[in-house]
Amino acid sequence: MVGVAAVAASLVAASTAAARVWGHRVGGVVSAFPLIVGPALLLAAVRQGAAFAAAMASATLLGLAALSGFVVAYGRAARRCGWPLSLGLGWAAAAALGMAVGRVGGGLLGGLLVAIATPALAHAALPRRRQVDVPGRLPRWELPARMVLTASLIVALTAAGEWFGPTAAGVLAALPTVASVLAVFTHARHGHDALIAMLRGMLGGLGTFVSFCALVALLAEPAGLIPAFLVASGAALLAQLVALTPARARSAPSM
């Protein structure tokens, strides 16, 4: 659990660094990489077996409905509201959708349909943004604060997931932990347009997440854990490279 939290904090650090160099949209793409769900699924497989990990991976795909709900609710509320109310509305939307898809189920096919449809709908529902500049240097305290908050959220959600079973664990694994931290800090420091750029990048980068979870769910039992995770990791890296190319082009700062 501590290792997963540390990896999550590292993902926030990597996303923040990418945003500083290439812009908020690229930071969002980096944040979608399955660096959190990968160790969580591997830990579940070691503790509970390949079948548990496969079921959790399918449920994690369902959980992208919760992430998509968070993105839309936060992104639209942030046009008129500050980060506390926007965050509350985002988490309310995520919780409602998370509970709904957790009851529906649907296995791998259902998870894939949800994971493809809901981010696409969320992307269309976000407000339009103006071009934003690459952010400057952050205060020294901000990056450690982002990392500590993320790690704390991950520890709490991982503990809850292990208590309630594979479906709940998968849905909780996709809840907007990293998204919440990045959204709040981006919104508070850089404003609404930067927030929307980051959220659009996050949604655009979810192909990495989807490919990883789908391959783990498909291969964990028939192929074994090591081959499944190796293939899934390779596919996720390839998808990340594909997603980063247009994101970097769109995030080029205006002169």
Protein backbone atom coordinates (compact mmCIF):
# COMPACT_ATOMS: atom_id res chain seq x y z
CA MET A 1 0.00 0.00 0.00
CA VAL A 2 2.82 2.38 0.89
CA GLY A 3 4.55 1.52 -2.40
CA VAL A 4 1.41 2.33 -4.41
CA ALA A 5 1.10 5.65 -2.60
CA ALA A 6 4.74 6.47 -3.36
CA VAL A 7 4.21 5.63 -7.04
CA ALA A 8 1.13 7.87 -7.12
CA ALA A 9 3.11 10.74 -5.64
CA SER A 10 5.78 10.16 -8.28
CA LEU A 11 3.15 10.35 -11.02
CA VAL A 12 2.00 13.72 -9.72
CA ALA A 13 5.61 14.91 -9.70
CA ALA A 14 6.13 13.70 -13.29
CA SER A 15 2.92 15.33 -14.48
CA THR A 16 3.82 18.61 -12.78
CA ALA A 17 7.29 18.56 -14.33
CA ALA A 18 5.85 17.82 -17.79
CA ALA A 19 3.40 20.70 -17.44
CA ARG A 20 6.22 23.09 -16.56
CA VAL A 21 8.23 22.11 -19.62
CA TRP A 22 5.56 21.50 -22.30
CA GLY A 23 2.33 22.94 -20.94
CA HIS A 24 -0.75 21.93 -18.99
CA ARG A 25 -2.18 19.65 -21.67
CA VAL A 26 0.95 17.50 -21.76
CA GLY A 27 0.91 17.36 -17.96
CA GLY A 28 -2.62 16.01 -18.18
CA VAL A 29 -1.61 13.32 -20.68
CA VAL A 30 1.24 12.19 -18.42
CA SER A 31 -1.11 12.02 -15.42
CA ALA A 32 -3.27 9.43 -17.23
CA PHE A 33 -0.46 6.87 -17.42
CA PRO A 34 -1.42 3.74 -15.37
CA LEU A 35 1.43 4.15 -12.92
CA ILE A 36 -0.97 3.83 -9.97
CA VAL A 37 -3.33 1.13 -11.16
CA GLY A 38 -0.45 -1.06 -12.37
CA PRO A 39 1.11 -1.62 -8.92
CA ALA A 40 -2.37 -1.83 -7.38
CA LEU A 41 -3.36 -4.64 -9.77
CA LEU A 42 -0.04 -6.42 -9.26
CA LEU A 43 -0.42 -6.23 -5.50
CA ALA A 44 -3.97 -7.58 -5.80
CA ALA A 45 -2.72 -10.45 -7.97
CA VAL A 46 0.00 -11.39 -5.49
CA ARG A 47 -2.36 -11.27 -2.53
CA GLN A 48 -5.60 -12.54 -4.05
CA GLY A 49 -4.67 -14.37 -7.26
CA ALA A 50 -4.90 -13.79 -10.99
CA ALA A 51 -8.69 -14.08 -11.11
CA PHE A 52 -9.08 -11.28 -8.56
CA ALA A 53 -6.67 -9.08 -10.50
CA ALA A 54 -8.52 -9.73 -13.77
CA ALA A 55 -11.86 -8.85 -12.20
CA MET A 56 -10.37 -5.73 -10.62
CA ALA A 57 -8.89 -4.65 -13.96
CA SER A 58 -12.31 -4.93 -15.65
CA ALA A 59 -13.92 -2.98 -12.82
CA THR A 60 -11.22 -0.32 -13.09
CA LEU A 61 -12.33 0.28 -16.67
CA LEU A 62 -15.87 0.80 -15.37
CA GLY A 63 -14.45 3.28 -12.90
CA LEU A 64 -13.44 5.63 -15.71
CA ALA A 65 -17.08 6.73 -15.70
CA ALA A 66 -16.39 8.20 -12.26
CA LEU A 67 -13.27 9.97 -13.49
CA SER A 68 -15.15 11.34 -16.50
CA GLY A 69 -17.93 12.62 -14.26
CA PHE A 70 -15.39 14.35 -12.06
CA VAL A 71 -13.75 16.03 -15.06
CA VAL A 72 -17.02 17.40 -16.42
CA ALA A 73 -18.39 18.54 -13.08
CA TYR A 74 -15.17 20.21 -11.99
CA GLY A 75 -14.40 21.73 -15.39
CA ARG A 76 -17.82 23.30 -15.82
CA ALA A 77 -18.16 24.45 -12.21
CA ALA A 78 -14.73 26.08 -12.31
CA ARG A 79 -15.96 28.69 -14.80
CA ARG A 80 -17.89 30.40 -12.01
CA CYS A 81 -16.75 28.79 -8.75
CA GLY A 82 -13.55 28.52 -6.80
CA TRP A 83 -11.71 25.26 -6.27
CA PRO A 84 -13.46 24.16 -3.01
CA LEU A 85 -16.95 24.08 -4.53
CA SER A 86 -15.67 22.77 -7.86
CA LEU A 87 -13.87 19.94 -6.06
CA GLY A 88 -16.95 19.07 -4.02
CA LEU A 89 -19.15 18.92 -7.12
CA GLY A 90 -16.53 16.88 -8.93
CA TRP A 91 -16.29 14.31 -6.19
CA ALA A 92 -20.09 14.16 -5.87
CA ALA A 93 -20.38 13.36 -9.59
CA ALA A 94 -17.56 10.80 -9.34
CA ALA A 95 -19.13 9.08 -6.33
CA ALA A 96 -22.57 8.89 -7.96
CA LEU A 97 -21.25 7.46 -11.21
CA GLY A 98 -18.84 5.15 -9.40
CA MET A 99 -21.66 3.62 -7.37
CA ALA A 100 -23.85 3.32 -10.46
CA VAL A 101 -21.32 1.45 -12.59
CA GLY A 102 -20.28 -0.68 -9.61
CA ARG A 103 -23.81 -2.04 -9.43
CA VAL A 104 -24.12 -2.57 -13.16
CA GLY A 105 -20.94 -4.61 -13.68
CA GLY A 106 -20.62 -6.05 -17.18
CA GLY A 107 -17.21 -7.71 -17.17
CA LEU A 108 -14.46 -6.80 -19.60
CA LEU A 109 -16.76 -5.93 -22.52
CA GLY A 110 -18.92 -3.67 -20.37
CA GLY A 111 -15.83 -2.07 -18.89
CA LEU A 112 -14.38 -1.35 -22.33
CA LEU A 113 -17.61 0.21 -23.55
CA VAL A 114 -17.78 2.48 -20.51
CA ALA A 115 -14.05 3.32 -20.69
CA ILE A 116 -14.32 4.38 -24.33
CA ALA A 117 -17.68 6.17 -24.24
CA THR A 118 -17.52 8.18 -21.02
CA PRO A 119 -14.18 9.96 -21.61
CA ALA A 120 -15.29 10.83 -25.16
CA LEU A 121 -18.53 12.31 -23.82
CA ALA A 122 -16.65 14.15 -21.09
CA HIS A 123 -14.23 15.64 -23.61
CA ALA A 124 -17.15 16.95 -25.67
CA ALA A 125 -18.85 18.39 -22.57
CA LEU A 126 -15.87 20.41 -21.33
CA PRO A 127 -15.90 24.15 -22.00
CA ARG A 128 -13.69 25.50 -24.75
CA ARG A 129 -10.40 27.05 -23.68
CA ARG A 130 -8.07 29.76 -24.88
CA GLN A 131 -4.39 29.12 -25.55
CA VAL A 132 -2.42 29.18 -22.31
CA ASP A 133 1.27 29.65 -21.68
CA VAL A 134 3.63 27.10 -20.18
CA PRO A 135 3.54 27.61 -16.40
CA GLY A 136 6.53 29.08 -14.64
CA ARG A 137 8.44 27.91 -11.58
CA LEU A 138 6.35 26.70 -8.63
CA PRO A 139 6.88 27.67 -4.99
CA ARG A 140 9.10 25.17 -3.20
CA TRP A 141 6.29 23.91 -0.98
CA GLU A 142 3.82 23.15 -3.77
CA LEU A 143 5.25 20.00 -5.30
CA PRO A 144 5.74 18.25 -1.90
CA ALA A 145 2.19 19.27 -0.98
CA ARG A 146 0.82 17.76 -4.19
CA MET A 147 2.71 14.53 -3.57
CA VAL A 148 1.68 14.18 0.10
CA LEU A 149 -1.99 14.81 -0.66
CA THR A 150 -1.96 12.26 -3.47
CA ALA A 151 -0.27 9.61 -1.34
CA SER A 152 -2.78 10.13 1.47
CA LEU A 153 -5.74 9.70 -0.89
CA ILE A 154 -4.25 6.56 -2.41
CA VAL A 155 -3.67 4.92 0.99
CA ALA A 156 -7.27 5.57 2.01
CA LEU A 157 -8.80 4.31 -1.24
CA THR A 158 -6.55 1.23 -1.45
CA ALA A 159 -7.52 0.20 2.07
CA ALA A 160 -11.20 0.61 1.23
CA GLY A 161 -10.83 -1.39 -1.98
CA GLU A 162 -9.17 -4.34 -0.24
CA TRP A 163 -11.99 -4.38 2.30
CA PHE A 164 -14.92 -4.37 -0.15
CA GLY A 165 -13.70 -6.75 -2.90
CA PRO A 166 -12.49 -6.67 -6.53
CA THR A 167 -15.32 -4.66 -8.09
CA ALA A 168 -15.17 -1.95 -5.46
CA ALA A 169 -11.38 -2.04 -5.59
CA GLY A 170 -11.40 -1.49 -9.33
CA VAL A 171 -13.88 1.38 -9.19
CA LEU A 172 -11.98 3.01 -6.34
CA ALA A 173 -8.69 2.63 -8.23
CA ALA A 174 -10.10 4.77 -11.04
CA LEU A 175 -11.48 7.48 -8.77
CA PRO A 176 -9.96 10.92 -9.37
CA THR A 177 -7.12 10.97 -6.85
CA VAL A 178 -4.38 12.35 -9.08
CA ALA A 179 -6.98 14.32 -11.05
CA SER A 180 -8.24 15.99 -7.88
CA VAL A 181 -4.82 17.13 -6.74
CA LEU A 182 -3.76 18.37 -10.16
CA ALA A 183 -7.10 20.07 -10.81
CA VAL A 184 -7.10 21.98 -7.52
CA PHE A 185 -3.53 23.23 -7.80
CA THR A 186 -3.81 24.05 -11.52
CA HIS A 187 -7.12 25.85 -11.02
CA ALA A 188 -5.97 27.81 -7.98
CA ARG A 189 -2.61 28.88 -9.39
CA HIS A 190 -3.11 29.13 -13.17
CA GLY A 191 -6.84 29.66 -13.70
CA HIS A 192 -9.71 28.09 -15.60
CA ASP A 193 -8.15 27.91 -19.08
CA ALA A 194 -5.08 26.08 -17.74
CA LEU A 195 -7.38 23.72 -15.84
CA ILE A 196 -9.36 22.86 -18.98
CA ALA A 197 -6.14 22.25 -20.92
CA MET A 198 -4.96 19.85 -18.22
CA LEU A 199 -8.30 18.02 -18.05
CA ARG A 200 -8.48 17.65 -21.84
CA GLY A 201 -4.97 16.25 -21.84
CA MET A 202 -5.92 13.78 -19.10
CA LEU A 203 -8.91 12.52 -21.06
CA GLY A 204 -6.84 12.33 -24.24
CA GLY A 205 -4.21 10.22 -22.47
CA LEU A 206 -6.61 7.62 -21.10
CA GLY A 207 -5.85 5.26 -24.00
CA THR A 208 -2.78 4.25 -21.99
CA PHE A 209 -4.95 3.43 -18.99
CA VAL A 210 -7.55 1.54 -21.00
CA SER A 211 -5.05 -0.56 -22.94
CA PHE A 212 -3.18 -1.54 -19.79
CA CYS A 213 -6.27 -2.59 -17.79
CA ALA A 214 -7.91 -4.37 -20.71
CA LEU A 215 -4.82 -6.47 -21.41
CA VAL A 216 -4.38 -7.38 -17.74
CA ALA A 217 -8.03 -8.41 -17.55
CA LEU A 218 -7.73 -10.45 -20.75
CA LEU A 219 -4.34 -12.13 -20.15
CA ALA A 220 -3.84 -12.48 -16.38
CA GLU A 221 -5.43 -15.92 -16.08
CA PRO A 222 -4.63 -17.64 -19.41
CA ALA A 223 -1.12 -16.24 -19.91
CA GLY A 224 0.04 -15.75 -16.33
CA LEU A 225 0.82 -12.61 -14.37
CA ILE A 226 4.30 -11.82 -15.65
CA PRO A 227 3.48 -12.07 -19.40
CA ALA A 228 0.21 -10.21 -18.86
CA PHE A 229 1.84 -7.30 -17.08
CA LEU A 230 4.74 -7.11 -19.51
CA VAL A 231 2.44 -6.99 -22.55
CA ALA A 232 0.11 -4.50 -20.85
CA SER A 233 3.02 -2.24 -19.86
CA GLY A 234 4.43 -2.25 -23.39
CA ALA A 235 1.06 -1.38 -24.88
CA ALA A 236 0.59 1.43 -22.38
CA LEU A 237 3.99 2.93 -23.19
CA LEU A 238 3.20 2.84 -26.91
CA ALA A 239 -0.19 4.47 -26.33
CA GLN A 240 1.47 7.16 -24.20
CA LEU A 241 3.91 8.04 -26.99
CA VAL A 242 1.04 8.27 -29.47
CA ALA A 243 -0.97 10.54 -27.15
CA LEU A 244 1.94 12.85 -26.35
CA THR A 245 2.67 13.87 -29.94
CA PRO A 246 -0.54 15.85 -30.67
CA ALA A 247 -0.69 17.07 -27.07
CA ARG A 248 2.74 18.70 -27.35
CA ALA A 249 1.74 20.32 -30.64
CA ARG A 250 -1.47 21.75 -29.20
CA SER A 251 0.22 22.92 -26.02
CA ALA A 252 2.90 24.98 -27.74
CA PRO A 253 2.92 28.36 -25.99
CA SER A 254 1.68 31.36 -27.91
CA MET A 255 4.24 34.04 -28.74
